[in-house]
Amino acid sequence: MSYANLRARTPWAAVAALAGCGSSPSPAPDPAETRHDAQTAPRWLECTESVRAPMEAALLARYHLEKTDQRVDGLRCVTIQLGPQPAFFVELIGSERERHRRLLGAIATDATTELVGLRDARLEFAQLRGGKVWFETIDLDGDRSDEVVVHYDDLRQDAASWIDVIALRGRALTEIAGPRISFDDPDLDDEACHGVLTTQRAGVATQLVVTTTGSTGRSDHCLADGRHVFALDADRLVEIR
């Protein structure tokens, strides 16, 4: 299973420019001044397996968890833009005696420092049964920080896919329930739908679009046939048309 939806990014850097005025000499720079340039700014680093594996071991030990079930992925990670710096968004699933825990947070690209401290989050039953989960990073509200779209697929059914959105702002993290994309349970003849998730720009923001076909329209698992546009409004995902 892929641990991240990887995207190439250009490292962020801030460049300071100094200019003199007339014949007056330019003031000497303060040696204590903090400068952010290409050498000091955090660099974009993809969360490859060579980064993920030791980070998983360190976080399991930090939170006193064990990875005992081979159907559970342990640590998943993806690089996000978090304000002015890149970071790793992480999901850690481990066992604490008889209980499974799912922790979400953001780690600096040093793979150690917690920028958004890991906290307990809802654990989908499909994740404990080998369901497919992957992350997509999108700036949904146009604030130049990424949100994380979490894609779920329950492999026990003919079709069962849905999304959540995770917003990170400062040191806060909010899980936002998203729509169902597809659903088809062979044991339920009157509940089925098939959808495709795409995106569209709306100014500086990005909207999520679910186009649904073959919907029975009889279940909370399915959107009605047609095109559904969702926008991030503060900590809600709102269908706007």
Protein backbone atom coordinates (compact mmCIF):
# COMPACT_ATOMS: atom_id res chain seq x y z
CA MET A 1 0.00 0.00 0.00
CA SER A 2 1.25 3.49 -0.82
CA TYR A 3 1.80 5.59 2.27
CA ALA A 4 1.37 8.91 0.60
CA ASN A 5 0.05 10.62 -2.47
CA LEU A 6 3.40 12.17 -3.30
CA ARG A 7 3.69 15.49 -5.08
CA ALA A 8 6.78 17.42 -6.08
CA ARG A 9 6.99 20.84 -4.47
CA THR A 10 9.39 23.75 -4.62
CA PRO A 11 11.07 24.47 -1.24
CA TRP A 12 9.75 27.56 0.49
CA ALA A 13 12.21 30.37 1.16
CA ALA A 14 12.04 34.02 2.15
CA VAL A 15 14.62 36.41 0.75
CA ALA A 16 15.51 39.67 2.50
CA ALA A 17 16.67 42.64 0.44
CA LEU A 18 18.62 45.61 1.79
CA ALA A 19 18.82 48.95 -0.01
CA GLY A 20 20.72 52.18 0.82
CA CYS A 21 19.25 55.68 0.51
CA GLY A 22 21.21 58.57 -1.04
CA SER A 23 24.79 58.80 0.21
CA SER A 24 24.01 57.62 3.75
CA PRO A 25 25.72 54.34 4.58
CA SER A 26 23.50 51.33 5.06
CA PRO A 27 23.21 50.29 8.72
CA ALA A 28 25.18 47.22 9.71
CA PRO A 29 22.96 44.17 10.09
CA ASP A 30 22.18 43.03 13.60
CA PRO A 31 24.17 39.82 14.14
CA ALA A 32 21.36 38.51 16.34
CA GLU A 33 18.79 39.02 13.58
CA THR A 34 17.03 35.82 12.56
CA ARG A 35 17.24 35.25 8.84
CA HIS A 36 15.14 32.82 6.82
CA ASP A 37 16.87 31.92 3.60
CA ALA A 38 17.42 28.86 1.45
CA GLN A 39 19.90 27.47 3.96
CA THR A 40 17.78 27.89 7.11
CA ALA A 41 14.18 27.46 5.93
CA PRO A 42 12.69 23.97 6.37
CA ARG A 43 13.02 22.16 3.07
CA TRP A 44 10.37 20.12 1.33
CA LEU A 45 10.97 16.44 2.05
CA GLU A 46 8.77 13.62 0.79
CA CYS A 47 7.70 11.06 3.38
CA THR A 48 9.36 8.09 1.71
CA GLU A 49 9.79 4.68 3.32
CA SER A 50 13.27 5.62 4.53
CA VAL A 51 11.66 8.48 6.50
CA ARG A 52 8.45 6.69 7.47
CA ALA A 53 9.86 3.50 9.00
CA PRO A 54 12.10 5.07 11.70
CA MET A 55 9.44 7.70 12.45
CA GLU A 56 6.90 4.90 13.00
CA ALA A 57 9.23 3.11 15.43
CA ALA A 58 9.94 6.32 17.35
CA LEU A 59 6.26 7.33 17.65
CA LEU A 60 5.11 3.85 18.66
CA ALA A 61 7.67 3.95 21.47
CA ARG A 62 6.77 7.54 22.43
CA TYR A 63 3.08 6.67 22.82
CA HIS A 64 3.65 3.20 24.28
CA LEU A 65 1.87 1.45 21.43
CA GLU A 66 2.59 -1.79 19.62
CA LYS A 67 2.05 -2.84 16.03
CA THR A 68 0.53 -6.29 16.53
CA ASP A 69 -1.90 -6.66 13.62
CA GLN A 70 -0.41 -7.01 10.14
CA ARG A 71 -3.69 -5.86 8.58
CA VAL A 72 -3.18 -2.44 10.17
CA ASP A 73 -0.69 -0.13 8.49
CA GLY A 74 0.85 1.45 11.58
CA LEU A 75 2.13 4.85 10.40
CA ARG A 76 0.95 6.59 7.25
CA CYS A 77 2.35 9.97 6.31
CA VAL A 78 2.24 12.64 3.63
CA THR A 79 4.06 15.96 3.27
CA ILE A 80 1.85 19.04 3.64
CA GLN A 81 2.32 22.79 3.55
CA LEU A 82 1.62 23.93 7.12
CA GLY A 83 1.66 27.72 7.14
CA PRO A 84 5.10 28.87 6.00
CA GLN A 85 6.77 25.47 6.31
CA PRO A 86 6.45 21.91 5.09
CA ALA A 87 5.62 19.18 7.58
CA PHE A 88 4.57 15.54 7.74
CA PHE A 89 0.90 14.85 8.40
CA VAL A 90 0.84 11.47 10.18
CA GLU A 91 -1.73 8.87 11.10
CA LEU A 92 -0.54 6.28 13.62
CA ILE A 93 -2.57 3.16 14.44
CA GLY A 94 -1.28 0.90 17.19
CA SER A 95 -2.41 -1.37 20.00
CA GLU A 96 -2.55 -0.49 23.67
CA ARG A 97 -3.18 -3.86 25.28
CA GLU A 98 -6.58 -4.94 23.88
CA ARG A 99 -7.48 -1.54 22.45
CA HIS A 100 -6.56 -0.05 19.09
CA ARG A 101 -5.81 3.68 18.95
CA ARG A 102 -5.63 6.01 15.95
CA LEU A 103 -3.56 9.14 16.45
CA LEU A 104 -3.37 12.12 14.08
CA GLY A 105 -0.94 15.04 14.08
CA ALA A 106 1.82 16.88 12.25
CA ILE A 107 5.55 16.29 12.61
CA ALA A 108 8.33 18.62 11.44
CA THR A 109 10.50 17.35 8.61
CA ASP A 110 13.15 16.49 11.20
CA ALA A 111 10.78 13.51 11.80
CA THR A 112 10.81 14.21 15.56
CA THR A 113 9.27 17.56 16.56
CA GLU A 114 5.48 17.56 16.96
CA LEU A 115 4.08 20.74 15.40
CA VAL A 116 0.50 19.56 16.00
CA GLY A 117 0.62 17.11 18.88
CA LEU A 118 -0.72 13.65 18.09
CA ARG A 119 -4.23 13.12 19.44
CA ASP A 120 -6.81 10.35 19.43
CA ALA A 121 -9.20 10.26 16.47
CA ARG A 122 -12.06 8.15 15.20
CA LEU A 123 -10.94 4.73 13.99
CA GLU A 124 -12.90 3.36 11.04
CA PHE A 125 -13.73 -0.34 11.34
CA ALA A 126 -12.59 -0.86 7.74
CA GLN A 127 -9.07 0.21 8.77
CA LEU A 128 -8.84 -2.79 11.09
CA ARG A 129 -9.82 -5.16 8.29
CA GLY A 130 -7.28 -4.20 5.65
CA GLY A 131 -9.32 -1.42 4.05
CA LYS A 132 -7.50 0.88 1.65
CA VAL A 133 -6.75 4.38 2.93
CA TRP A 134 -4.74 7.12 1.26
CA PHE A 135 -4.16 10.85 1.69
CA GLU A 136 -4.47 13.77 -0.71
CA THR A 137 -3.28 17.28 0.20
CA ILE A 138 -5.36 20.21 -1.08
CA ASP A 139 -5.64 23.85 -0.02
CA LEU A 140 -9.43 23.91 0.19
CA ASP A 141 -9.90 27.36 1.74
CA GLY A 142 -7.14 29.27 -0.04
CA ASP A 143 -5.13 30.16 3.08
CA ARG A 144 -1.88 28.71 1.67
CA SER A 145 -1.96 25.80 4.13
CA ASP A 146 -3.00 22.34 3.04
CA GLU A 147 -5.97 20.38 4.25
CA VAL A 148 -5.80 16.59 4.11
CA VAL A 149 -8.46 14.64 2.22
CA VAL A 150 -8.59 11.10 3.59
CA HIS A 151 -9.87 8.52 1.09
CA TYR A 152 -11.38 5.31 2.47
CA ASP A 153 -12.30 2.11 0.65
CA ASP A 154 -13.95 -0.81 2.44
CA LEU A 155 -12.76 -3.87 0.51
CA ARG A 156 -15.36 -6.15 2.11
CA GLN A 157 -18.08 -4.72 -0.16
CA ASP A 158 -18.43 -4.48 -3.93
CA ALA A 159 -18.07 -0.70 -3.63
CA ALA A 160 -17.76 1.41 -0.50
CA SER A 161 -15.74 4.60 -0.66
CA TRP A 162 -16.00 7.88 1.20
CA ILE A 163 -13.82 10.79 2.33
CA ASP A 164 -13.05 12.88 5.38
CA VAL A 165 -11.29 16.24 5.49
CA ILE A 166 -8.73 17.07 8.18
CA ALA A 167 -7.99 20.76 8.76
CA LEU A 168 -4.82 21.86 10.58
CA ARG A 169 -4.66 25.45 11.78
CA GLY A 170 -1.90 26.47 14.15
CA ARG A 171 -1.77 23.70 16.75
CA ALA A 172 -5.41 22.70 16.21
CA LEU A 173 -6.62 19.71 14.22
CA THR A 174 -10.22 19.12 13.19
CA GLU A 175 -11.72 16.04 11.53
CA ILE A 176 -14.61 16.86 9.18
CA ALA A 177 -16.90 14.12 7.91
CA GLY A 178 -17.16 14.12 4.13
CA PRO A 179 -19.60 12.57 1.66
CA ARG A 180 -19.93 9.02 0.42
CA ILE A 181 -18.55 8.53 -3.07
CA SER A 182 -19.74 4.99 -3.92
CA PHE A 183 -21.68 2.26 -2.17
CA ASP A 184 -22.80 -1.20 -3.25
CA ASP A 185 -23.48 -3.92 -0.71
CA PRO A 186 -24.38 -7.27 -2.36
CA ASP A 187 -26.65 -8.07 0.59
CA LEU A 188 -28.70 -4.89 0.13
CA ASP A 189 -30.33 -4.77 -3.30
CA ASP A 190 -31.99 -1.39 -2.80
CA GLU A 191 -28.84 0.59 -1.85
CA ALA A 192 -26.28 1.36 -4.55
CA CYS A 193 -24.51 4.33 -6.12
CA HIS A 194 -21.32 5.02 -8.01
CA GLY A 195 -19.45 8.32 -7.92
CA VAL A 196 -16.31 10.06 -9.07
CA LEU A 197 -14.46 12.66 -6.96
CA THR A 198 -12.80 15.60 -8.73
CA THR A 199 -11.85 19.17 -7.82
CA GLN A 200 -12.44 22.64 -9.22
CA ARG A 201 -10.93 26.04 -8.45
CA ALA A 202 -13.04 28.85 -6.99
CA GLY A 203 -10.76 31.87 -6.74
CA VAL A 204 -7.92 30.96 -4.36
CA ALA A 205 -9.90 28.06 -2.85
CA THR A 206 -10.48 24.55 -4.22
CA GLN A 207 -13.85 22.81 -4.11
CA LEU A 208 -14.58 19.07 -4.06
CA VAL A 209 -16.97 17.71 -6.69
CA VAL A 210 -18.75 14.35 -6.46
CA THR A 211 -20.53 13.22 -9.62
CA THR A 212 -22.93 10.40 -8.77
CA THR A 213 -24.62 7.92 -11.13
CA GLY A 214 -26.80 4.89 -10.59
CA SER A 215 -28.04 6.04 -7.19
CA THR A 216 -31.16 4.49 -5.73
CA GLY A 217 -31.60 7.58 -3.59
CA ARG A 218 -32.95 5.46 -0.74
CA SER A 219 -30.02 5.45 1.65
CA ASP A 220 -27.78 7.73 3.71
CA HIS A 221 -24.89 5.86 2.06
CA CYS A 222 -25.57 7.53 -1.30
CA LEU A 223 -25.86 10.97 -2.81
CA ALA A 224 -28.58 11.53 -5.39
CA ASP A 225 -27.69 11.25 -9.06
CA GLY A 226 -25.96 14.35 -10.37
CA ARG A 227 -23.13 16.74 -9.58
CA HIS A 228 -22.51 17.79 -5.98
CA VAL A 229 -20.07 20.62 -5.11
CA PHE A 230 -18.62 20.88 -1.59
CA ALA A 231 -16.73 23.85 -0.10
CA LEU A 232 -14.84 24.12 3.18
CA ASP A 233 -16.60 26.68 5.39
CA ALA A 234 -14.58 27.12 8.61
CA ASP A 235 -14.78 23.62 10.14
CA ARG A 236 -17.65 22.35 7.99
CA LEU A 237 -17.81 20.82 4.53
CA VAL A 238 -20.90 22.39 2.95
CA GLU A 239 -22.69 21.30 -0.23
CA ILE A 240 -23.18 24.55 -2.12
CA ARG A 241 -24.87 23.18 -5.24
